[in-house]
């Protein structure tokens, strides 16, 4: 079976069955992160530490590794387990801190 894995700002990893795009699993990777929607349904994407922006699958598809500005987190598809891999990851565009932007809530 083929799956797709996507992050939803700021806290969920969604795993979908590729054949029919149905939800396979929704994993809460950052329970402490919340977004407050403003009038009109938009939310400010703040410069928060610990937001997972990168998603990479292992070659055999068993593990999904996510990276934030402070650590790596690994999801094991076989055991349905989240594992912190630690590690500090300095990030940036070389021009100081990144600029917040908006997204529609639910994206």
PDB file of N, CA and C in Angstrom:
ATOM      1  N   UNK A   1       0.842  -1.175   0.000  1.00  0.00           N
ATOM      2  CA  UNK A   1       0.000   0.000   0.000  1.00  0.00           C
ATOM      3  C   UNK A   1       0.888   1.239   0.000  1.00  0.00           C
ATOM      4  N   UNK A   2       0.462   2.255  -0.731  1.00  0.00           N
ATOM      5  CA  UNK A   2       1.178   3.527  -0.811  1.00  0.00           C
ATOM      6  C   UNK A   2       0.448   4.568   0.023  1.00  0.00           C
ATOM      7  N   UNK A   3       1.238   5.357   0.784  1.00  0.00           N
ATOM      8  CA  UNK A   3       0.685   6.390   1.647  1.00  0.00           C
ATOM      9  C   UNK A   3       1.293   7.741   1.290  1.00  0.00           C
ATOM     10  N   UNK A   4       0.593   8.804   1.647  1.00  0.00           N
ATOM     11  CA  UNK A   4       1.097  10.165   1.571  1.00  0.00           C
ATOM     12  C   UNK A   4       1.122  10.721   2.986  1.00  0.00           C
ATOM     13  N   UNK A   5       2.177  11.428   3.336  1.00  0.00           N
ATOM     14  CA  UNK A   5       2.277  12.045   4.656  1.00  0.00           C
ATOM     15  C   UNK A   5       2.444  13.547   4.484  1.00  0.00           C
ATOM     16  N   UNK A   6       1.619  14.316   5.185  1.00  0.00           N
ATOM     17  CA  UNK A   6       1.679  15.779   5.119  1.00  0.00           C
ATOM     18  C   UNK A   6       1.526  16.364   6.516  1.00  0.00           C
ATOM     19  N   UNK A   7       2.181  17.502   6.724  1.00  0.00           N
ATOM     20  CA  UNK A   7       2.034  18.225   7.986  1.00  0.00           C
ATOM     21  C   UNK A   7       0.966  19.289   7.823  1.00  0.00           C
ATOM     22  N   UNK A   8       0.215  19.519   8.890  1.00  0.00           N
ATOM     23  CA  UNK A   8      -0.767  20.589   8.932  1.00  0.00           C
ATOM     24  C   UNK A   8      -0.364  21.514  10.070  1.00  0.00           C
ATOM     25  N   UNK A   9      -0.018  22.748   9.725  1.00  0.00           N
ATOM     26  CA  UNK A   9       0.428  23.714  10.727  1.00  0.00           C
ATOM     27  C   UNK A   9      -0.636  23.891  11.792  1.00  0.00           C
ATOM     28  N   UNK A  10      -0.327  23.872  13.082  1.00  0.00           N
ATOM     29  CA  UNK A  10       1.012  23.705  13.603  1.00  0.00           C
ATOM     30  C   UNK A  10       1.273  22.321  14.197  1.00  0.00           C
ATOM     31  N   UNK A  11       0.301  21.402  14.172  1.00  0.00           N
ATOM     32  CA  UNK A  11       0.537  20.254  15.051  1.00  0.00           C
ATOM     33  C   UNK A  11       0.174  18.869  14.575  1.00  0.00           C
ATOM     34  N   UNK A  12      -0.356  18.695  13.401  1.00  0.00           N
ATOM     35  CA  UNK A  12      -0.798  17.355  12.999  1.00  0.00           C
ATOM     36  C   UNK A  12      -0.010  16.798  11.817  1.00  0.00           C
ATOM     37  N   UNK A  13       0.301  15.521  11.902  1.00  0.00           N
ATOM     38  CA  UNK A  13       0.816  14.753  10.776  1.00  0.00           C
ATOM     39  C   UNK A  13      -0.344  13.918  10.265  1.00  0.00           C
ATOM     40  N   UNK A  14      -0.697  14.114   9.000  1.00  0.00           N
ATOM     41  CA  UNK A  14      -1.769  13.336   8.384  1.00  0.00           C
ATOM     42  C   UNK A  14      -1.148  12.293   7.474  1.00  0.00           C
ATOM     43  N   UNK A  15      -1.627  11.054   7.574  1.00  0.00           N
ATOM     44  CA  UNK A  15      -1.193   9.990   6.677  1.00  0.00           C
ATOM     45  C   UNK A  15      -2.433   9.530   5.914  1.00  0.00           C
ATOM     46  N   UNK A  16      -2.337   9.603   4.598  1.00  0.00           N
ATOM     47  CA  UNK A  16      -3.461   9.281   3.714  1.00  0.00           C
ATOM     48  C   UNK A  16      -3.137   8.052   2.873  1.00  0.00           C
ATOM     49  N   UNK A  17      -4.148   7.274   2.563  1.00  0.00           N
ATOM     50  CA  UNK A  17      -3.999   6.180   1.602  1.00  0.00           C
ATOM     51  C   UNK A  17      -3.980   6.820   0.212  1.00  0.00           C
ATOM     52  N   UNK A  18      -2.915   6.612  -0.523  1.00  0.00           N
ATOM     53  CA  UNK A  18      -2.755   7.287  -1.815  1.00  0.00           C
ATOM     54  C   UNK A  18      -3.807   6.865  -2.833  1.00  0.00           C
ATOM     55  N   UNK A  19      -4.249   5.627  -2.795  1.00  0.00           N
ATOM     56  CA  UNK A  19      -5.183   5.113  -3.804  1.00  0.00           C
ATOM     57  C   UNK A  19      -6.498   5.891  -3.838  1.00  0.00           C
ATOM     58  N   UNK A  20      -7.025   6.236  -2.665  1.00  0.00           N
ATOM     59  CA  UNK A  20      -8.318   6.931  -2.627  1.00  0.00           C
ATOM     60  C   UNK A  20      -8.298   8.208  -1.789  1.00  0.00           C
ATOM     61  N   UNK A  21      -7.106   8.607  -1.325  1.00  0.00           N
ATOM     62  CA  UNK A  21      -6.907   9.816  -0.515  1.00  0.00           C
ATOM     63  C   UNK A  21      -7.703   9.802   0.790  1.00  0.00           C
ATOM     64  N   UNK A  22      -8.049   8.623   1.291  1.00  0.00           N
ATOM     65  CA  UNK A  22      -8.762   8.533   2.569  1.00  0.00           C
ATOM     66  C   UNK A  22      -7.771   8.628   3.725  1.00  0.00           C
ATOM     67  N   UNK A  23      -8.255   9.111   4.843  1.00  0.00           N
ATOM     68  CA  UNK A  23      -7.409   9.277   6.021  1.00  0.00           C
ATOM     69  C   UNK A  23      -7.054   7.918   6.618  1.00  0.00           C
ATOM     70  N   UNK A  24      -5.756   7.696   6.801  1.00  0.00           N
ATOM     71  CA  UNK A  24      -5.267   6.484   7.448  1.00  0.00           C
ATOM     72  C   UNK A  24      -5.012   6.763   8.936  1.00  0.00           C
ATOM     73  N   UNK A  25      -4.257   7.837   9.215  1.00  0.00           N
ATOM     74  CA  UNK A  25      -3.998   8.233  10.602  1.00  0.00           C
ATOM     75  C   UNK A  25      -3.806   9.739  10.683  1.00  0.00           C
ATOM     76  N   UNK A  26      -4.173  10.296  11.841  1.00  0.00           N
ATOM     77  CA  UNK A  26      -3.880  11.692  12.178  1.00  0.00           C
ATOM     78  C   UNK A  26      -3.131  11.650  13.490  1.00  0.00           C
ATOM     79  N   UNK A  27      -1.892  12.139  13.489  1.00  0.00           N
ATOM     80  CA  UNK A  27      -1.032  12.065  14.669  1.00  0.00           C
ATOM     81  C   UNK A  27      -0.768  13.470  15.174  1.00  0.00           C
ATOM     82  N   UNK A  28      -1.031  13.695  16.455  1.00  0.00           N
ATOM     83  CA  UNK A  28      -0.790  14.988  17.093  1.00  0.00           C
ATOM     84  C   UNK A  28       0.672  15.029  17.521  1.00  0.00           C
ATOM     85  N   UNK A  29       1.504  15.750  16.780  1.00  0.00           N
ATOM     86  CA  UNK A  29       2.935  15.782  17.072  1.00  0.00           C
ATOM     87  C   UNK A  29       3.340  16.928  17.994  1.00  0.00           C
ATOM     88  N   UNK A  30       2.477  17.925  18.168  1.00  0.00           N
ATOM     89  CA  UNK A  30       2.784  19.076  19.025  1.00  0.00           C
ATOM     90  C   UNK A  30       1.544  19.500  19.798  1.00  0.00           C
ATOM     91  N   UNK A  31       1.127  18.721  20.801  1.00  0.00           N
ATOM     92  CA  UNK A  31      -0.120  19.034  21.503  1.00  0.00           C
ATOM     93  C   UNK A  31      -0.150  20.424  22.137  1.00  0.00           C
ATOM     94  N   UNK A  32       1.016  20.995  22.418  1.00  0.00           N
ATOM     95  CA  UNK A  32       1.038  22.307  23.076  1.00  0.00           C
ATOM     96  C   UNK A  32       0.842  23.456  22.094  1.00  0.00           C
ATOM     97  N   UNK A  33       0.905  23.204  20.797  1.00  0.00           N
ATOM     98  CA  UNK A  33       0.770  24.254  19.804  1.00  0.00           C
ATOM     99  C   UNK A  33      -0.699  24.446  19.428  1.00  0.00           C
ATOM    100  N   UNK A  34      -1.148  25.673  19.464  1.00  0.00           N
ATOM    101  CA  UNK A  34      -2.519  26.013  19.067  1.00  0.00           C
ATOM    102  C   UNK A  34      -2.473  27.227  18.154  1.00  0.00           C
ATOM    103  N   UNK A  35      -3.473  27.393  17.327  1.00  0.00           N
ATOM    104  CA  UNK A  35      -3.598  28.589  16.493  1.00  0.00           C
ATOM    105  C   UNK A  35      -4.914  29.261  16.864  1.00  0.00           C
ATOM    106  N   UNK A  36      -4.879  30.573  16.932  1.00  0.00           N
ATOM    107  CA  UNK A  36      -6.107  31.324  17.164  1.00  0.00           C
ATOM    108  C   UNK A  36      -6.537  31.948  15.852  1.00  0.00           C
ATOM    109  N   UNK A  37      -7.708  31.556  15.369  1.00  0.00           N
ATOM    110  CA  UNK A  37      -8.222  32.113  14.111  1.00  0.00           C
ATOM    111  C   UNK A  37      -8.765  33.519  14.355  1.00  0.00           C
ATOM    112  N   UNK A  38      -8.481  34.397  13.428  1.00  0.00           N
ATOM    113  CA  UNK A  38      -8.976  35.768  13.496  1.00  0.00           C
ATOM    114  C   UNK A  38     -10.244  35.875  12.657  1.00  0.00           C
ATOM    115  N   UNK A  39     -10.896  37.022  12.724  1.00  0.00           N
ATOM    116  CA  UNK A  39     -12.072  37.252  11.876  1.00  0.00           C
ATOM    117  C   UNK A  39     -11.710  36.965  10.426  1.00  0.00           C
ATOM    118  N   UNK A  40     -12.558  36.266   9.727  1.00  0.00           N
ATOM    119  CA  UNK A  40     -12.302  35.940   8.331  1.00  0.00           C
ATOM    120  C   UNK A  40     -11.656  34.578   8.152  1.00  0.00           C
ATOM    121  N   UNK A  41     -11.325  33.873   9.254  1.00  0.00           N
ATOM    122  CA  UNK A  41     -10.791  32.527   9.149  1.00  0.00           C
ATOM    123  C   UNK A  41      -9.293  32.428   8.944  1.00  0.00           C
ATOM    124  N   UNK A  42      -8.552  33.544   9.033  1.00  0.00           N
ATOM    125  CA  UNK A  42      -7.102  33.493   8.875  1.00  0.00           C
ATOM    126  C   UNK A  42      -6.419  33.428  10.230  1.00  0.00           C
ATOM    127  N   UNK A  43      -5.231  32.853  10.240  1.00  0.00           N
ATOM    128  CA  UNK A  43      -4.447  32.754  11.466  1.00  0.00           C
ATOM    129  C   UNK A  43      -3.032  33.218  11.181  1.00  0.00           C
ATOM    130  N   UNK A  44      -2.444  33.911  12.135  1.00  0.00           N
ATOM    131  CA  UNK A  44      -1.062  34.346  12.006  1.00  0.00           C
ATOM    132  C   UNK A  44      -0.153  33.169  12.307  1.00  0.00           C
ATOM    133  N   UNK A  45       0.725  32.819  11.376  1.00  0.00           N
ATOM    134  CA  UNK A  45       1.708  31.763  11.601  1.00  0.00           C
ATOM    135  C   UNK A  45       2.893  32.410  12.315  1.00  0.00           C
ATOM    136  N   UNK A  46       2.905  32.298  13.609  1.00  0.00           N
ATOM    137  CA  UNK A  46       3.917  32.974  14.401  1.00  0.00           C
ATOM    138  C   UNK A  46       5.259  32.261  14.326  1.00  0.00           C
ATOM    139  N   UNK A  47       6.296  32.967  14.769  1.00  0.00           N
ATOM    140  CA  UNK A  47       7.640  32.411  14.807  1.00  0.00           C
ATOM    141  C   UNK A  47       7.762  31.525  16.042  1.00  0.00           C
ATOM    142  N   UNK A  48       7.120  30.393  16.026  1.00  0.00           N
ATOM    143  CA  UNK A  48       7.102  29.494  17.170  1.00  0.00           C
ATOM    144  C   UNK A  48       8.213  28.466  17.063  1.00  0.00           C
ATOM    145  N   UNK A  49       8.813  28.149  18.183  1.00  0.00           N
ATOM    146  CA  UNK A  49       9.799  27.076  18.201  1.00  0.00           C
ATOM    147  C   UNK A  49       9.071  25.741  18.257  1.00  0.00           C
ATOM    148  N   UNK A  50       9.656  24.741  17.631  1.00  0.00           N
ATOM    149  CA  UNK A  50       9.117  23.398  17.717  1.00  0.00           C
ATOM    150  C   UNK A  50       8.037  23.068  16.717  1.00  0.00           C
ATOM    151  N   UNK A  51       7.823  23.893  15.703  1.00  0.00           N
ATOM    152  CA  UNK A  51       6.851  23.581  14.665  1.00  0.00           C
ATOM    153  C   UNK A  51       7.568  22.719  13.617  1.00  0.00           C
ATOM    154  N   UNK A  52       6.977  21.587  13.273  1.00  0.00           N
ATOM    155  CA  UNK A  52       7.596  20.672  12.317  1.00  0.00           C
ATOM    156  C   UNK A  52       7.229  21.074  10.898  1.00  0.00           C
ATOM    157  N   UNK A  53       8.246  21.434  10.103  1.00  0.00           N
ATOM    158  CA  UNK A  53       8.034  21.912   8.750  1.00  0.00           C
ATOM    159  C   UNK A  53       8.450  20.908   7.684  1.00  0.00           C
ATOM    160  N   UNK A  54       9.386  20.020   8.001  1.00  0.00           N
ATOM    161  CA  UNK A  54       9.846  19.069   6.993  1.00  0.00           C
ATOM    162  C   UNK A  54       9.322  17.677   7.288  1.00  0.00           C
ATOM    163  N   UNK A  55       9.013  16.935   6.235  1.00  0.00           N
ATOM    164  CA  UNK A  55       8.508  15.566   6.356  1.00  0.00           C
ATOM    165  C   UNK A  55       9.278  14.705   5.354  1.00  0.00           C
ATOM    166  N   UNK A  56       9.939  13.661   5.847  1.00  0.00           N
ATOM    167  CA  UNK A  56      10.719  12.771   4.992  1.00  0.00           C
ATOM    168  C   UNK A  56      10.453  11.334   5.388  1.00  0.00           C
ATOM    169  N   UNK A  57      10.226  10.485   4.403  1.00  0.00           N
ATOM    170  CA  UNK A  57      10.007   9.062   4.679  1.00  0.00           C
ATOM    171  C   UNK A  57      11.314   8.297   4.523  1.00  0.00           C
ATOM    172  N   UNK A  58      11.459   7.234   5.316  1.00  0.00           N
ATOM    173  CA  UNK A  58      12.617   6.360   5.153  1.00  0.00           C
ATOM    174  C   UNK A  58      12.463   5.612   3.828  1.00  0.00           C
ATOM    175  N   UNK A  59      13.553   5.049   3.350  1.00  0.00           N
ATOM    176  CA  UNK A  59      13.534   4.367   2.064  1.00  0.00           C
ATOM    177  C   UNK A  59      12.529   3.216   2.021  1.00  0.00           C
ATOM    178  N   UNK A  60      12.369   2.515   3.144  1.00  0.00           N
ATOM    179  CA  UNK A  60      11.427   1.388   3.180  1.00  0.00           C
ATOM    180  C   UNK A  60      10.007   1.815   3.556  1.00  0.00           C
ATOM    181  N   UNK A  61       9.793   3.114   3.865  1.00  0.00           N
ATOM    182  CA  UNK A  61       8.471   3.628   4.178  1.00  0.00           C
ATOM    183  C   UNK A  61       7.993   3.381   5.592  1.00  0.00           C
ATOM    184  N   UNK A  62       8.817   2.763   6.430  1.00  0.00           N
ATOM    185  CA  UNK A  62       8.375   2.471   7.792  1.00  0.00           C
ATOM    186  C   UNK A  62       8.396   3.710   8.681  1.00  0.00           C
ATOM    187  N   UNK A  63       9.364   4.587   8.478  1.00  0.00           N
ATOM    188  CA  UNK A  63       9.531   5.744   9.362  1.00  0.00           C
ATOM    189  C   UNK A  63       9.267   7.043   8.612  1.00  0.00           C
ATOM    190  N   UNK A  64       8.664   8.000   9.315  1.00  0.00           N
ATOM    191  CA  UNK A  64       8.484   9.352   8.812  1.00  0.00           C
ATOM    192  C   UNK A  64       9.248  10.258   9.772  1.00  0.00           C
ATOM    193  N   UNK A  65      10.211  10.993   9.236  1.00  0.00           N
ATOM    194  CA  UNK A  65      11.040  11.874  10.053  1.00  0.00           C
ATOM    195  C   UNK A  65      10.630  13.311   9.771  1.00  0.00           C
ATOM    196  N   UNK A  66      10.315  14.030  10.859  1.00  0.00           N
ATOM    197  CA  UNK A  66       9.931  15.433  10.762  1.00  0.00           C
ATOM    198  C   UNK A  66      11.007  16.286  11.418  1.00  0.00           C
ATOM    199  N   UNK A  67      11.250  17.454  10.865  1.00  0.00           N
ATOM    200  CA  UNK A  67      12.249  18.352  11.420  1.00  0.00           C
ATOM    201  C   UNK A  67      11.641  19.690  11.784  1.00  0.00           C
ATOM    202  N   UNK A  68      12.051  20.208  12.929  1.00  0.00           N
ATOM    203  CA  UNK A  68      11.651  21.555  13.348  1.00  0.00           C
ATOM    204  C   UNK A  68      12.921  22.373  13.535  1.00  0.00           C
ATOM    205  N   UNK A  69      12.775  23.544  14.111  1.00  0.00           N
ATOM    206  CA  UNK A  69      13.959  24.356  14.372  1.00  0.00           C
ATOM    207  C   UNK A  69      14.696  23.897  15.626  1.00  0.00           C
ATOM    208  N   UNK A  70      14.156  22.954  16.369  1.00  0.00           N
ATOM    209  CA  UNK A  70      14.815  22.514  17.596  1.00  0.00           C
ATOM    210  C   UNK A  70      15.092  21.017  17.675  1.00  0.00           C
ATOM    211  N   UNK A  71      14.437  20.192  16.858  1.00  0.00           N
ATOM    212  CA  UNK A  71      14.676  18.762  16.971  1.00  0.00           C
ATOM    213  C   UNK A  71      14.147  17.998  15.767  1.00  0.00           C
ATOM    214  N   UNK A  72      14.484  16.725  15.736  1.00  0.00           N
ATOM    215  CA  UNK A  72      13.894  15.770  14.804  1.00  0.00           C
ATOM    216  C   UNK A  72      12.903  14.913  15.576  1.00  0.00           C
ATOM    217  N   UNK A  73      11.819  14.549  14.934  1.00  0.00           N
ATOM    218  CA  UNK A  73      10.819  13.654  15.520  1.00  0.00           C
ATOM    219  C   UNK A  73      10.561  12.568  14.489  1.00  0.00           C
ATOM    220  N   UNK A  74      10.473  11.311  14.951  1.00  0.00           N
ATOM    221  CA  UNK A  74      10.259  10.198  14.041  1.00  0.00           C
ATOM    222  C   UNK A  74       8.960   9.481  14.399  1.00  0.00           C
ATOM    223  N   UNK A  75       8.167   9.186  13.384  1.00  0.00           N
ATOM    224  CA  UNK A  75       6.956   8.406  13.566  1.00  0.00           C
ATOM    225  C   UNK A  75       7.197   7.024  12.973  1.00  0.00           C
ATOM    226  N   UNK A  76       6.938   5.985  13.763  1.00  0.00           N
ATOM    227  CA  UNK A  76       7.106   4.599  13.334  1.00  0.00           C
ATOM    228  C   UNK A  76       5.752   4.069  12.870  1.00  0.00           C
ATOM    229  N   UNK A  77       5.607   3.824  11.564  1.00  0.00           N
ATOM    230  CA  UNK A  77       4.347   3.324  11.002  1.00  0.00           C
ATOM    231  C   UNK A  77       3.996   1.946  11.558  1.00  0.00           C
ATOM    232  N   UNK A  78       5.009   1.132  11.859  1.00  0.00           N
ATOM    233  CA  UNK A  78       4.780  -0.223  12.343  1.00  0.00           C
ATOM    234  C   UNK A  78       4.218  -0.281  13.747  1.00  0.00           C
ATOM    235  N   UNK A  79       4.757   0.556  14.635  1.00  0.00           N
ATOM    236  CA  UNK A  79       4.333   0.515  16.039  1.00  0.00           C
ATOM    237  C   UNK A  79       3.414   1.664  16.429  1.00  0.00           C
ATOM    238  N   UNK A  80       3.126   2.599  15.495  1.00  0.00           N
ATOM    239  CA  UNK A  80       2.291   3.769  15.776  1.00  0.00           C
ATOM    240  C   UNK A  80       2.870   4.564  16.948  1.00  0.00           C
ATOM    241  N   UNK A  81       4.190   4.804  16.903  1.00  0.00           N
ATOM    242  CA  UNK A  81       4.884   5.452  18.014  1.00  0.00           C
ATOM    243  C   UNK A  81       5.658   6.676  17.519  1.00  0.00           C
ATOM    244  N   UNK A  82       5.616   7.762  18.318  1.00  0.00           N
ATOM    245  CA  UNK A  82       6.423   8.958  18.064  1.00  0.00           C
ATOM    246  C   UNK A  82       7.690   8.867  18.897  1.00  0.00           C
ATOM    247  N   UNK A  83       8.834   9.157  18.287  1.00  0.00           N
ATOM    248  CA  UNK A  83      10.117   9.058  18.971  1.00  0.00           C
ATOM    249  C   UNK A  83      10.886  10.351  18.726  1.00  0.00           C
ATOM    250  N   UNK A  84      11.291  11.021  19.810  1.00  0.00           N
ATOM    251  CA  UNK A  84      12.103  12.226  19.675  1.00  0.00           C
ATOM    252  C   UNK A  84      13.547  11.816  19.408  1.00  0.00           C
ATOM    253  N   UNK A  85      14.133  12.391  18.360  1.00  0.00           N
ATOM    254  CA  UNK A  85      15.522  12.106  18.029  1.00  0.00           C
ATOM    255  C   UNK A  85      16.453  13.211  18.520  1.00  0.00           C
ATOM    256  N   UNK A  86      15.878  14.263  19.104  1.00  0.00           N
ATOM    257  CA  UNK A  86      16.671  15.363  19.638  1.00  0.00           C
ATOM    258  C   UNK A  86      17.431  16.092  18.545  1.00  0.00           C
ATOM    259  N   UNK A  87      18.422  16.845  18.954  1.00  0.00           N
ATOM    260  CA  UNK A  87      19.284  17.549  18.012  1.00  0.00           C
ATOM    261  C   UNK A  87      18.830  18.959  17.737  1.00  0.00           C
ATOM    262  N   UNK A  88      19.753  19.915  17.823  1.00  0.00           N
ATOM    263  CA  UNK A  88      19.435  21.311  17.528  1.00  0.00           C
ATOM    264  C   UNK A  88      19.694  21.575  16.059  1.00  0.00           C
ATOM    265  N   UNK A  89      18.753  22.203  15.397  1.00  0.00           N
ATOM    266  CA  UNK A  89      18.864  22.492  13.974  1.00  0.00           C
ATOM    267  C   UNK A  89      18.749  23.988  13.732  1.00  0.00           C
ATOM    268  N   UNK A  90      19.857  24.715  13.613  1.00  0.00           N
ATOM    269  CA  UNK A  90      19.732  26.146  13.331  1.00  0.00           C
ATOM    270  C   UNK A  90      19.123  26.336  11.940  1.00  0.00           C
ATOM    271  N   UNK A  91      18.120  27.190  11.845  1.00  0.00           N
ATOM    272  CA  UNK A  91      17.426  27.422  10.576  1.00  0.00           C
ATOM    273  C   UNK A  91      17.395  28.906  10.268  1.00  0.00           C
ATOM    274  N   UNK A  92      17.168  29.254   9.057  1.00  0.00           N
ATOM    275  CA  UNK A  92      17.011  30.644   8.682  1.00  0.00           C
ATOM    276  C   UNK A  92      17.385  30.848   7.226  1.00  0.00           C
ATOM    277  N   UNK A  93      17.113  32.035   6.742  1.00  0.00           N
ATOM    278  CA  UNK A  93      17.390  32.368   5.358  1.00  0.00           C
ATOM    279  C   UNK A  93      18.658  33.205   5.232  1.00  0.00           C
ATOM    280  N   UNK A  94      19.423  33.320   6.308  1.00  0.00           N
ATOM    281  CA  UNK A  94      20.633  34.113   6.269  1.00  0.00           C
ATOM    282  C   UNK A  94      20.388  35.602   6.428  1.00  0.00           C
ATOM    283  N   UNK A  95      19.143  35.993   6.706  1.00  0.00           N
ATOM    284  CA  UNK A  95      18.827  37.423   6.835  1.00  0.00           C
ATOM    285  C   UNK A  95      18.141  37.691   8.174  1.00  0.00           C
ATOM    286  N   UNK A  96      18.440  36.900   9.171  1.00  0.00           N
ATOM    287  CA  UNK A  96      17.786  37.068  10.469  1.00  0.00           C
ATOM    288  C   UNK A  96      16.602  36.132  10.590  1.00  0.00           C
ATOM    289  N   UNK A  97      15.658  36.489  11.433  1.00  0.00           N
ATOM    290  CA  UNK A  97      14.502  35.628  11.668  1.00  0.00           C
ATOM    291  C   UNK A  97      13.546  35.656  10.488  1.00  0.00           C
ATOM    292  N   UNK A  98      12.844  34.542  10.312  1.00  0.00           N
ATOM    293  CA  UNK A  98      11.876  34.493   9.213  1.00  0.00           C
ATOM    294  C   UNK A  98      10.655  35.347   9.544  1.00  0.00           C
ATOM    295  N   UNK A  99       9.928  35.716   8.520  1.00  0.00           N
ATOM    296  CA  UNK A  99       8.765  36.592   8.676  1.00  0.00           C
ATOM    297  C   UNK A  99       7.507  35.742   8.763  1.00  0.00           C
ATOM    298  N   UNK A 100       6.620  36.007   9.742  1.00  0.00           N
ATOM    299  CA  UNK A 100       5.380  35.244   9.816  1.00  0.00           C
ATOM    300  C   UNK A 100       4.498  35.509   8.598  1.00  0.00           C
ATOM    301  N   UNK A 101       3.619  34.583   8.299  1.00  0.00           N
ATOM    302  CA  UNK A 101       2.695  34.745   7.198  1.00  0.00           C
ATOM    303  C   UNK A 101       1.334  34.164   7.601  1.00  0.00           C
ATOM    304  N   UNK A 102       0.347  34.328   6.754  1.00  0.00           N
ATOM    305  CA  UNK A 102      -0.985  33.839   7.096  1.00  0.00           C
ATOM    306  C   UNK A 102      -1.356  32.643   6.247  1.00  0.00           C
ATOM    307  N   UNK A 103      -2.214  31.806   6.808  1.00  0.00           N
ATOM    308  CA  UNK A 103      -2.844  30.695   6.091  1.00  0.00           C
ATOM    309  C   UNK A 103      -4.276  30.618   6.547  1.00  0.00           C
ATOM    310  N   UNK A 104      -5.131  30.046   5.741  1.00  0.00           N
ATOM    311  CA  UNK A 104      -6.506  29.863   6.127  1.00  0.00           C
ATOM    312  C   UNK A 104      -6.587  28.720   7.129  1.00  0.00           C
ATOM    313  N   UNK A 105      -7.364  28.901   8.201  1.00  0.00           N
ATOM    314  CA  UNK A 105      -7.490  27.839   9.196  1.00  0.00           C
ATOM    315  C   UNK A 105      -8.041  26.573   8.538  1.00  0.00           C
ATOM    316  N   UNK A 106      -7.490  25.441   8.936  1.00  0.00           N
ATOM    317  CA  UNK A 106      -7.902  24.168   8.389  1.00  0.00           C
ATOM    318  C   UNK A 106      -7.014  23.699   7.251  1.00  0.00           C
ATOM    319  N   UNK A 107      -6.102  24.549   6.779  1.00  0.00           N
ATOM    320  CA  UNK A 107      -5.176  24.122   5.720  1.00  0.00           C
ATOM    321  C   UNK A 107      -4.127  23.215   6.284  1.00  0.00           C
TER     322      UNK A 107
END
